[in-house]
C-alpha atoms as a PDB file:
ATOM      1  CA  MET A   1       2.179   3.959 -11.983  1.00  0.00           C
ATOM      2  CA  THR A   2       3.794   0.672 -11.026  1.00  0.00           C
ATOM      3  CA  LYS A   3       1.951  -2.458  -9.986  1.00  0.00           C
ATOM      4  CA  PRO A   4       3.259  -5.284  -7.798  1.00  0.00           C
ATOM      5  CA  PRO A   5       4.210  -8.354  -9.802  1.00  0.00           C
ATOM      6  CA  ALA A   6       1.336 -10.725 -10.421  1.00  0.00           C
ATOM      7  CA  PRO A   7       1.420 -13.717  -8.061  1.00  0.00           C
ATOM      8  CA  ALA A   8       0.930 -17.291  -9.223  1.00  0.00           C
ATOM      9  CA  ALA A   9      -2.759 -18.145  -9.507  1.00  0.00           C
ATOM     10  CA  THR A  10      -2.747 -20.375  -6.405  1.00  0.00           C
ATOM     11  CA  SER A  11      -0.523 -18.314  -4.084  1.00  0.00           C
ATOM     12  CA  GLN A  12      -1.470 -15.578  -1.675  1.00  0.00           C
ATOM     13  CA  VAL A  13       0.652 -12.473  -1.245  1.00  0.00           C
ATOM     14  CA  GLU A  14       1.363  -9.905   1.428  1.00  0.00           C
ATOM     15  CA  ILE A  15       2.129  -6.270   0.776  1.00  0.00           C
ATOM     16  CA  ALA A  16       4.798  -4.968   3.144  1.00  0.00           C
ATOM     17  CA  CYS A  17       7.036  -1.983   3.870  1.00  0.00           C
ATOM     18  CA  GLU A  18      10.428  -2.057   2.150  1.00  0.00           C
ATOM     19  CA  HIS A  19      12.105  -0.555   5.234  1.00  0.00           C
ATOM     20  CA  CYS A  20      10.679  -2.436   8.218  1.00  0.00           C
ATOM     21  CA  GLY A  21       8.788  -5.353   6.639  1.00  0.00           C
ATOM     22  CA  HIS A  22       5.486  -4.656   8.409  1.00  0.00           C
ATOM     23  CA  LEU A  23       2.173  -5.046   6.611  1.00  0.00           C
ATOM     24  CA  GLY A  24       0.690  -1.714   7.718  1.00  0.00           C
ATOM     25  CA  VAL A  25       1.201   0.126   4.444  1.00  0.00           C
ATOM     26  CA  MET A  26      -1.178   2.475   2.662  1.00  0.00           C
ATOM     27  CA  ARG A  27      -1.380   3.737  -0.925  1.00  0.00           C
ATOM     28  CA  GLU A  28      -2.798   6.965  -2.265  1.00  0.00           C
ATOM     29  CA  ALA A  29      -5.879   6.293  -4.340  1.00  0.00           C
ATOM     30  CA  TRP A  30      -9.010   7.740  -5.896  1.00  0.00           C
ATOM     31  CA  ALA A  31     -12.456   6.340  -5.363  1.00  0.00           C
ATOM     32  CA  GLU A  32     -15.591   7.112  -7.371  1.00  0.00           C
ATOM     33  CA  TRP A  33     -19.186   6.868  -6.237  1.00  0.00           C
ATOM     34  CA  SER A  34     -21.046   4.021  -7.961  1.00  0.00           C
ATOM     35  CA  VAL A  35     -24.780   4.586  -8.272  1.00  0.00           C
ATOM     36  CA  ALA A  36     -25.253   0.919  -9.238  1.00  0.00           C
ATOM     37  CA  LYS A  37     -23.306  -0.418  -6.229  1.00  0.00           C
ATOM     38  CA  GLN A  38     -24.360   2.396  -3.874  1.00  0.00           C
ATOM     39  CA  GLY A  39     -20.833   2.688  -2.548  1.00  0.00           C
ATOM     40  CA  TRP A  40     -17.329   3.929  -3.236  1.00  0.00           C
ATOM     41  CA  VAL A  41     -15.398   1.997  -5.880  1.00  0.00           C
ATOM     42  CA  LEU A  42     -11.614   2.215  -6.118  1.00  0.00           C
ATOM     43  CA  SER A  43     -10.796   3.699  -9.498  1.00  0.00           C
ATOM     44  CA  GLN A  44      -7.065   4.522  -9.388  1.00  0.00           C
ATOM     45  CA  THR A  45      -4.069   3.797  -7.161  1.00  0.00           C
ATOM     46  CA  PHE A  46      -0.855   5.803  -7.187  1.00  0.00           C
ATOM     47  CA  ASP A  47       2.803   5.034  -6.560  1.00  0.00           C
ATOM     48  CA  PHE A  48       3.052   6.867  -3.220  1.00  0.00           C
ATOM     49  CA  ALA A  49       3.048   4.457  -0.276  1.00  0.00           C
ATOM     50  CA  PHE A  50       3.328   5.153   3.450  1.00  0.00           C
ATOM     51  CA  CYS A  51       4.137   2.780   6.318  1.00  0.00           C
ATOM     52  CA  MET A  52       1.992   3.141   9.414  1.00  0.00           C
ATOM     53  CA  HIS A  53       4.581   1.237  11.492  1.00  0.00           C
ATOM     54  CA  CYS A  54       7.784   3.172  10.772  1.00  0.00           C
ATOM     55  CA  HIS A  55       5.882   6.387   9.903  1.00  0.00           C
ATOM     56  CA  ARG A  56       7.600   7.235   6.649  1.00  0.00           C
ATOM     57  CA  PRO A  57       7.173   6.993   2.894  1.00  0.00           C
ATOM     58  CA  THR A  58       8.146   3.589   1.559  1.00  0.00           C
ATOM     59  CA  ARG A  59       8.168   1.328  -1.440  1.00  0.00           C
ATOM     60  CA  ILE A  60       5.834  -1.632  -1.400  1.00  0.00           C
ATOM     61  CA  VAL A  61       7.301  -5.125  -1.299  1.00  0.00           C
ATOM     62  CA  THR A  62       5.112  -7.957  -2.586  1.00  0.00           C
ATOM     63  CA  ARG A  63       5.947 -11.375  -1.172  1.00  0.00           C
ATOM     64  CA  ALA A  64       4.289 -14.761  -1.090  1.00  0.00           C
ATOM     65  CA  VAL A  65       2.673 -15.503   2.263  1.00  0.00           C
ATOM     66  CA  ALA A  66       4.682 -18.734   2.461  1.00  0.00           C
ATOM     67  CA  ASP A  67       7.947 -16.742   2.091  1.00  0.00           C
ATOM     68  CA  VAL A  68       7.404 -14.906   5.379  1.00  0.00           C
ATOM     69  CA  PRO A  69       9.187 -16.556   8.292  1.00  0.00           C
ATOM     70  CA  PRO A  70       6.933 -17.133  11.318  1.00  0.00           C
ATOM     71  CA  LYS A  71       7.339 -14.667  14.161  1.00  0.00           C
ATOM     72  CA  PRO A  72       8.641 -16.017  17.476  1.00  0.00           C
ATOM     73  CA  MET A  73       5.974 -16.317  20.158  1.00  0.00           C
ATOM     74  CA  GLY A  74       5.478 -13.097  22.087  1.00  0.00           C
ATOM     75  CA  SER A  75       6.794 -10.819  19.314  1.00  0.00           C
ATOM     76  CA  HIS A  76       4.686  -8.133  17.622  1.00  0.00           C
END
């Protein structure tokens, strides 16, 4: 399993689709029930990623939030 590179301690990151750049990506994962927390706890993530925007498997791109150019007004 691969993990995105660790960001600097003070920076925020976005996880995006390699193909289209949108943020609507999902990963396959396992969750386990925690009796102590009374909820599902993520226990494992897998390499498979899927983009909800371009509707295809993708690789995840990790980028600093500051590295993303602002979108022009009126764009989606």
